[in-house]
């Protein structure tokens, strides 16, 4: 369990470091993401980005753990 938590932490650190380059690719501003901007208020919910990341991670885990 400890190794998993360390691994997940390392993955999050790596994603945080490469996030500026991912933003240049358009990840995080896809059609379907909800962004509301008003005076003094900003709300952003990345629906499509979350679904895309979920599918990619699920496929990678499935490929990694299949026997």
PDB file of N, CA and C in Angstrom:
ATOM      1  N   UNK A   1       0.828  -1.189   0.000  1.00  0.00           N
ATOM      2  CA  UNK A   1       0.000   0.000   0.000  1.00  0.00           C
ATOM      3  C   UNK A   1       0.875   1.256   0.000  1.00  0.00           C
ATOM      4  N   UNK A   2       1.942   1.221   0.773  1.00  0.00           N
ATOM      5  CA  UNK A   2       2.833   2.372   0.835  1.00  0.00           C
ATOM      6  C   UNK A   2       3.489   2.672  -0.499  1.00  0.00           C
ATOM      7  N   UNK A   3       3.864   1.619  -1.215  1.00  0.00           N
ATOM      8  CA  UNK A   3       4.483   1.817  -2.522  1.00  0.00           C
ATOM      9  C   UNK A   3       3.509   2.454  -3.505  1.00  0.00           C
ATOM     10  N   UNK A   4       2.247   2.052  -3.434  1.00  0.00           N
ATOM     11  CA  UNK A   4       1.226   2.634  -4.307  1.00  0.00           C
ATOM     12  C   UNK A   4       1.066   4.124  -4.033  1.00  0.00           C
ATOM     13  N   UNK A   5       1.025   4.490  -2.761  1.00  0.00           N
ATOM     14  CA  UNK A   5       0.860   5.904  -2.418  1.00  0.00           C
ATOM     15  C   UNK A   5       2.064   6.725  -2.879  1.00  0.00           C
ATOM     16  N   UNK A   6       3.248   6.177  -2.716  1.00  0.00           N
ATOM     17  CA  UNK A   6       4.443   6.870  -3.194  1.00  0.00           C
ATOM     18  C   UNK A   6       4.408   6.993  -4.715  1.00  0.00           C
ATOM     19  N   UNK A   7       4.005   5.925  -5.395  1.00  0.00           N
ATOM     20  CA  UNK A   7       3.908   5.955  -6.853  1.00  0.00           C
ATOM     21  C   UNK A   7       2.897   6.969  -7.338  1.00  0.00           C
ATOM     22  N   UNK A   8       1.741   7.019  -6.703  1.00  0.00           N
ATOM     23  CA  UNK A   8       0.713   7.992  -7.082  1.00  0.00           C
ATOM     24  C   UNK A   8       1.210   9.412  -6.824  1.00  0.00           C
ATOM     25  N   UNK A   9       1.910   9.611  -5.708  1.00  0.00           N
ATOM     26  CA  UNK A   9       2.476  10.925  -5.409  1.00  0.00           C
ATOM     27  C   UNK A   9       3.489  11.356  -6.449  1.00  0.00           C
ATOM     28  N   UNK A  10       4.341  10.433  -6.876  1.00  0.00           N
ATOM     29  CA  UNK A  10       5.333  10.755  -7.902  1.00  0.00           C
ATOM     30  C   UNK A  10       4.677  11.088  -9.237  1.00  0.00           C
ATOM     31  N   UNK A  11       3.622  10.356  -9.582  1.00  0.00           N
ATOM     32  CA  UNK A  11       2.898  10.638 -10.819  1.00  0.00           C
ATOM     33  C   UNK A  11       2.275  12.035 -10.758  1.00  0.00           C
ATOM     34  N   UNK A  12       1.712  12.399  -9.620  1.00  0.00           N
ATOM     35  CA  UNK A  12       1.119  13.731  -9.482  1.00  0.00           C
ATOM     36  C   UNK A  12       2.172  14.826  -9.580  1.00  0.00           C
ATOM     37  N   UNK A  13       3.348  14.584  -9.014  1.00  0.00           N
ATOM     38  CA  UNK A  13       4.430  15.568  -9.118  1.00  0.00           C
ATOM     39  C   UNK A  13       4.864  15.736 -10.571  1.00  0.00           C
ATOM     40  N   UNK A  14       5.016  14.621 -11.283  1.00  0.00           N
ATOM     41  CA  UNK A  14       5.413  14.683 -12.694  1.00  0.00           C
ATOM     42  C   UNK A  14       4.360  15.413 -13.516  1.00  0.00           C
ATOM     43  N   UNK A  15       3.083  15.105 -13.285  1.00  0.00           N
ATOM     44  CA  UNK A  15       2.015  15.809 -14.000  1.00  0.00           C
ATOM     45  C   UNK A  15       2.025  17.300 -13.698  1.00  0.00           C
ATOM     46  N   UNK A  16       2.300  17.651 -12.451  1.00  0.00           N
ATOM     47  CA  UNK A  16       2.383  19.063 -12.095  1.00  0.00           C
ATOM     48  C   UNK A  16       3.526  19.775 -12.803  1.00  0.00           C
ATOM     49  N   UNK A  17       4.630  19.059 -12.994  1.00  0.00           N
ATOM     50  CA  UNK A  17       5.779  19.655 -13.663  1.00  0.00           C
ATOM     51  C   UNK A  17       5.570  19.807 -15.167  1.00  0.00           C
ATOM     52  N   UNK A  18       4.848  18.870 -15.781  1.00  0.00           N
ATOM     53  CA  UNK A  18       4.651  18.946 -17.228  1.00  0.00           C
ATOM     54  C   UNK A  18       3.340  19.637 -17.617  1.00  0.00           C
ATOM     55  N   UNK A  19       2.586  20.104 -16.641  1.00  0.00           N
ATOM     56  CA  UNK A  19       1.295  20.736 -16.923  1.00  0.00           C
ATOM     57  C   UNK A  19       1.398  21.933 -17.873  1.00  0.00           C
ATOM     58  N   UNK A  20       2.422  22.810 -17.749  1.00  0.00           N
ATOM     59  CA  UNK A  20       2.503  23.930 -18.713  1.00  0.00           C
ATOM     60  C   UNK A  20       2.596  23.457 -20.166  1.00  0.00           C
ATOM     61  N   UNK A  21       3.282  22.372 -20.416  1.00  0.00           N
ATOM     62  CA  UNK A  21       3.380  21.859 -21.781  1.00  0.00           C
ATOM     63  C   UNK A  21       2.071  21.209 -22.217  1.00  0.00           C
ATOM     64  N   UNK A  22       1.381  20.563 -21.289  1.00  0.00           N
ATOM     65  CA  UNK A  22       0.079  19.982 -21.620  1.00  0.00           C
ATOM     66  C   UNK A  22      -0.939  21.078 -21.939  1.00  0.00           C
ATOM     67  N   UNK A  23      -0.831  22.213 -21.260  1.00  0.00           N
ATOM     68  CA  UNK A  23      -1.752  23.317 -21.517  1.00  0.00           C
ATOM     69  C   UNK A  23      -1.563  23.864 -22.931  1.00  0.00           C
ATOM     70  N   UNK A  24      -0.343  23.817 -23.437  1.00  0.00           N
ATOM     71  CA  UNK A  24      -0.097  24.278 -24.815  1.00  0.00           C
ATOM     72  C   UNK A  24      -0.777  23.372 -25.827  1.00  0.00           C
ATOM     73  N   UNK A  25      -0.977  22.113 -25.475  1.00  0.00           N
ATOM     74  CA  UNK A  25      -1.641  21.179 -26.379  1.00  0.00           C
ATOM     75  C   UNK A  25      -3.152  21.351 -26.366  1.00  0.00           C
ATOM     76  N   UNK A  26      -3.681  22.141 -25.432  1.00  0.00           N
ATOM     77  CA  UNK A  26      -5.118  22.366 -25.356  1.00  0.00           C
ATOM     78  C   UNK A  26      -5.796  21.510 -24.307  1.00  0.00           C
ATOM     79  N   UNK A  27      -5.038  20.679 -23.619  1.00  0.00           N
ATOM     80  CA  UNK A  27      -5.633  19.857 -22.563  1.00  0.00           C
ATOM     81  C   UNK A  27      -6.061  20.770 -21.427  1.00  0.00           C
ATOM     82  N   UNK A  28      -7.305  20.720 -21.069  1.00  0.00           N
ATOM     83  CA  UNK A  28      -7.842  21.590 -20.037  1.00  0.00           C
ATOM     84  C   UNK A  28      -8.756  22.661 -20.593  1.00  0.00           C
ATOM     85  N   UNK A  29      -8.791  22.804 -21.893  1.00  0.00           N
ATOM     86  CA  UNK A  29      -9.689  23.770 -22.545  1.00  0.00           C
ATOM     87  C   UNK A  29     -10.384  23.117 -23.727  1.00  0.00           C
ATOM     88  N   UNK A  30     -10.890  21.931 -23.520  1.00  0.00           N
ATOM     89  CA  UNK A  30     -11.556  21.200 -24.585  1.00  0.00           C
ATOM     90  C   UNK A  30     -13.018  21.606 -24.679  1.00  0.00           C
ATOM     91  N   UNK A  31     -13.640  21.394 -25.840  1.00  0.00           N
ATOM     92  CA  UNK A  31     -15.079  21.635 -25.934  1.00  0.00           C
ATOM     93  C   UNK A  31     -15.818  20.721 -24.954  1.00  0.00           C
ATOM     94  N   UNK A  32     -16.729  21.264 -24.226  1.00  0.00           N
ATOM     95  CA  UNK A  32     -17.452  20.495 -23.220  1.00  0.00           C
ATOM     96  C   UNK A  32     -17.008  20.825 -21.809  1.00  0.00           C
ATOM     97  N   UNK A  33     -15.861  21.469 -21.663  1.00  0.00           N
ATOM     98  CA  UNK A  33     -15.431  21.940 -20.352  1.00  0.00           C
ATOM     99  C   UNK A  33     -16.255  23.172 -19.993  1.00  0.00           C
ATOM    100  N   UNK A  34     -16.667  23.256 -18.750  1.00  0.00           N
ATOM    101  CA  UNK A  34     -17.527  24.354 -18.309  1.00  0.00           C
ATOM    102  C   UNK A  34     -16.661  25.466 -17.728  1.00  0.00           C
ATOM    103  N   UNK A  35     -16.784  26.648 -18.281  1.00  0.00           N
ATOM    104  CA  UNK A  35     -16.051  27.816 -17.790  1.00  0.00           C
ATOM    105  C   UNK A  35     -17.011  28.994 -17.713  1.00  0.00           C
ATOM    106  N   UNK A  36     -17.192  29.530 -16.510  1.00  0.00           N
ATOM    107  CA  UNK A  36     -18.067  30.676 -16.289  1.00  0.00           C
ATOM    108  C   UNK A  36     -17.227  31.796 -15.703  1.00  0.00           C
ATOM    109  N   UNK A  37     -17.201  32.931 -16.389  1.00  0.00           N
ATOM    110  CA  UNK A  37     -16.455  34.087 -15.915  1.00  0.00           C
ATOM    111  C   UNK A  37     -17.391  35.270 -15.779  1.00  0.00           C
ATOM    112  N   UNK A  38     -17.423  35.812 -14.595  1.00  0.00           N
ATOM    113  CA  UNK A  38     -18.195  37.021 -14.324  1.00  0.00           C
ATOM    114  C   UNK A  38     -17.331  37.952 -13.491  1.00  0.00           C
ATOM    115  N   UNK A  39     -17.797  39.132 -13.310  1.00  0.00           N
ATOM    116  CA  UNK A  39     -17.034  40.106 -12.542  1.00  0.00           C
ATOM    117  C   UNK A  39     -16.818  39.603 -11.110  1.00  0.00           C
ATOM    118  N   UNK A  40     -15.575  39.394 -10.737  1.00  0.00           N
ATOM    119  CA  UNK A  40     -15.250  38.937  -9.388  1.00  0.00           C
ATOM    120  C   UNK A  40     -15.505  37.454  -9.157  1.00  0.00           C
ATOM    121  N   UNK A  41     -15.785  36.705 -10.216  1.00  0.00           N
ATOM    122  CA  UNK A  41     -16.107  35.288 -10.045  1.00  0.00           C
ATOM    123  C   UNK A  41     -15.600  34.503 -11.244  1.00  0.00           C
ATOM    124  N   UNK A  42     -14.988  33.374 -10.974  1.00  0.00           N
ATOM    125  CA  UNK A  42     -14.522  32.487 -12.040  1.00  0.00           C
ATOM    126  C   UNK A  42     -14.768  31.051 -11.604  1.00  0.00           C
ATOM    127  N   UNK A  43     -15.466  30.293 -12.443  1.00  0.00           N
ATOM    128  CA  UNK A  43     -15.751  28.879 -12.165  1.00  0.00           C
ATOM    129  C   UNK A  43     -15.324  28.069 -13.375  1.00  0.00           C
ATOM    130  N   UNK A  44     -14.564  27.005 -13.128  1.00  0.00           N
ATOM    131  CA  UNK A  44     -14.092  26.152 -14.211  1.00  0.00           C
ATOM    132  C   UNK A  44     -14.233  24.692 -13.786  1.00  0.00           C
ATOM    133  N   UNK A  45     -14.916  23.902 -14.602  1.00  0.00           N
ATOM    134  CA  UNK A  45     -15.080  22.475 -14.337  1.00  0.00           C
ATOM    135  C   UNK A  45     -14.764  21.716 -15.623  1.00  0.00           C
ATOM    136  N   UNK A  46     -13.621  21.020 -15.680  1.00  0.00           N
ATOM    137  CA  UNK A  46     -13.175  20.361 -16.914  1.00  0.00           C
ATOM    138  C   UNK A  46     -13.836  18.998 -17.137  1.00  0.00           C
ATOM    139  N   UNK A  47     -15.077  18.992 -17.559  1.00  0.00           N
ATOM    140  CA  UNK A  47     -15.834  17.754 -17.747  1.00  0.00           C
ATOM    141  C   UNK A  47     -15.183  16.876 -18.823  1.00  0.00           C
ATOM    142  N   UNK A  48     -14.994  17.412 -20.006  1.00  0.00           N
ATOM    143  CA  UNK A  48     -14.446  16.636 -21.117  1.00  0.00           C
ATOM    144  C   UNK A  48     -13.003  16.226 -20.847  1.00  0.00           C
ATOM    145  N   UNK A  49     -12.221  17.113 -20.291  1.00  0.00           N
ATOM    146  CA  UNK A  49     -10.835  16.791 -19.973  1.00  0.00           C
ATOM    147  C   UNK A  49     -10.779  15.664 -18.947  1.00  0.00           C
ATOM    148  N   UNK A  50     -11.647  15.708 -17.944  1.00  0.00           N
ATOM    149  CA  UNK A  50     -11.676  14.651 -16.926  1.00  0.00           C
ATOM    150  C   UNK A  50     -12.040  13.306 -17.543  1.00  0.00           C
ATOM    151  N   UNK A  51     -13.013  13.293 -18.439  1.00  0.00           N
ATOM    152  CA  UNK A  51     -13.401  12.051 -19.100  1.00  0.00           C
ATOM    153  C   UNK A  51     -12.270  11.498 -19.960  1.00  0.00           C
ATOM    154  N   UNK A  52     -11.606  12.374 -20.702  1.00  0.00           N
ATOM    155  CA  UNK A  52     -10.493  11.953 -21.551  1.00  0.00           C
ATOM    156  C   UNK A  52      -9.344  11.393 -20.724  1.00  0.00           C
ATOM    157  N   UNK A  53      -8.975  12.067 -19.664  1.00  0.00           N
ATOM    158  CA  UNK A  53      -7.898  11.582 -18.798  1.00  0.00           C
ATOM    159  C   UNK A  53      -8.291  10.261 -18.161  1.00  0.00           C
ATOM    160  N   UNK A  54      -9.531  10.122 -17.738  1.00  0.00           N
ATOM    161  CA  UNK A  54     -10.008   8.885 -17.136  1.00  0.00           C
ATOM    162  C   UNK A  54      -9.921   7.712 -18.100  1.00  0.00           C
ATOM    163  N   UNK A  55     -10.321   7.929 -19.344  1.00  0.00           N
ATOM    164  CA  UNK A  55     -10.263   6.862 -20.351  1.00  0.00           C
ATOM    165  C   UNK A  55      -8.816   6.461 -20.627  1.00  0.00           C
ATOM    166  N   UNK A  56      -7.938   7.438 -20.761  1.00  0.00           N
ATOM    167  CA  UNK A  56      -6.533   7.140 -21.041  1.00  0.00           C
ATOM    168  C   UNK A  56      -5.892   6.390 -19.885  1.00  0.00           C
ATOM    169  N   UNK A  57      -6.127   6.839 -18.660  1.00  0.00           N
ATOM    170  CA  UNK A  57      -5.555   6.160 -17.495  1.00  0.00           C
ATOM    171  C   UNK A  57      -6.129   4.758 -17.351  1.00  0.00           C
ATOM    172  N   UNK A  58      -7.420   4.598 -17.585  1.00  0.00           N
ATOM    173  CA  UNK A  58      -8.040   3.273 -17.503  1.00  0.00           C
ATOM    174  C   UNK A  58      -7.438   2.311 -18.530  1.00  0.00           C
ATOM    175  N   UNK A  59      -7.240   2.793 -19.753  1.00  0.00           N
ATOM    176  CA  UNK A  59      -6.627   1.951 -20.781  1.00  0.00           C
ATOM    177  C   UNK A  59      -5.190   1.583 -20.431  1.00  0.00           C
ATOM    178  N   UNK A  60      -4.429   2.540 -19.926  1.00  0.00           N
ATOM    179  CA  UNK A  60      -3.051   2.250 -19.533  1.00  0.00           C
ATOM    180  C   UNK A  60      -2.990   1.232 -18.395  1.00  0.00           C
ATOM    181  N   UNK A  61      -3.846   1.399 -17.400  1.00  0.00           N
ATOM    182  CA  UNK A  61      -3.873   0.439 -16.289  1.00  0.00           C
ATOM    183  C   UNK A  61      -4.330  -0.938 -16.758  1.00  0.00           C
ATOM    184  N   UNK A  62      -5.299  -0.968 -17.661  1.00  0.00           N
ATOM    185  CA  UNK A  62      -5.769  -2.249 -18.182  1.00  0.00           C
ATOM    186  C   UNK A  62      -4.639  -2.952 -18.934  1.00  0.00           C
ATOM    187  N   UNK A  63      -3.908  -2.220 -19.758  1.00  0.00           N
ATOM    188  CA  UNK A  63      -2.784  -2.817 -20.487  1.00  0.00           C
ATOM    189  C   UNK A  63      -1.664  -3.254 -19.552  1.00  0.00           C
ATOM    190  N   UNK A  64      -1.436  -2.484 -18.501  1.00  0.00           N
ATOM    191  CA  UNK A  64      -0.355  -2.786 -17.570  1.00  0.00           C
ATOM    192  C   UNK A  64      -0.656  -4.010 -16.705  1.00  0.00           C
ATOM    193  N   UNK A  65      -1.918  -4.168 -16.293  1.00  0.00           N
ATOM    194  CA  UNK A  65      -2.262  -5.230 -15.344  1.00  0.00           C
ATOM    195  C   UNK A  65      -2.910  -6.467 -15.959  1.00  0.00           C
ATOM    196  N   UNK A  66      -3.124  -6.491 -17.261  1.00  0.00           N
ATOM    197  CA  UNK A  66      -3.726  -7.694 -17.841  1.00  0.00           C
ATOM    198  C   UNK A  66      -2.695  -8.818 -17.836  1.00  0.00           C
ATOM    199  N   UNK A  67      -3.179 -10.006 -17.751  1.00  0.00           N
ATOM    200  CA  UNK A  67      -2.273 -11.167 -17.661  1.00  0.00           C
ATOM    201  C   UNK A  67      -2.422 -12.054 -18.836  1.00  0.00           C
TER     202      UNK A  67
END
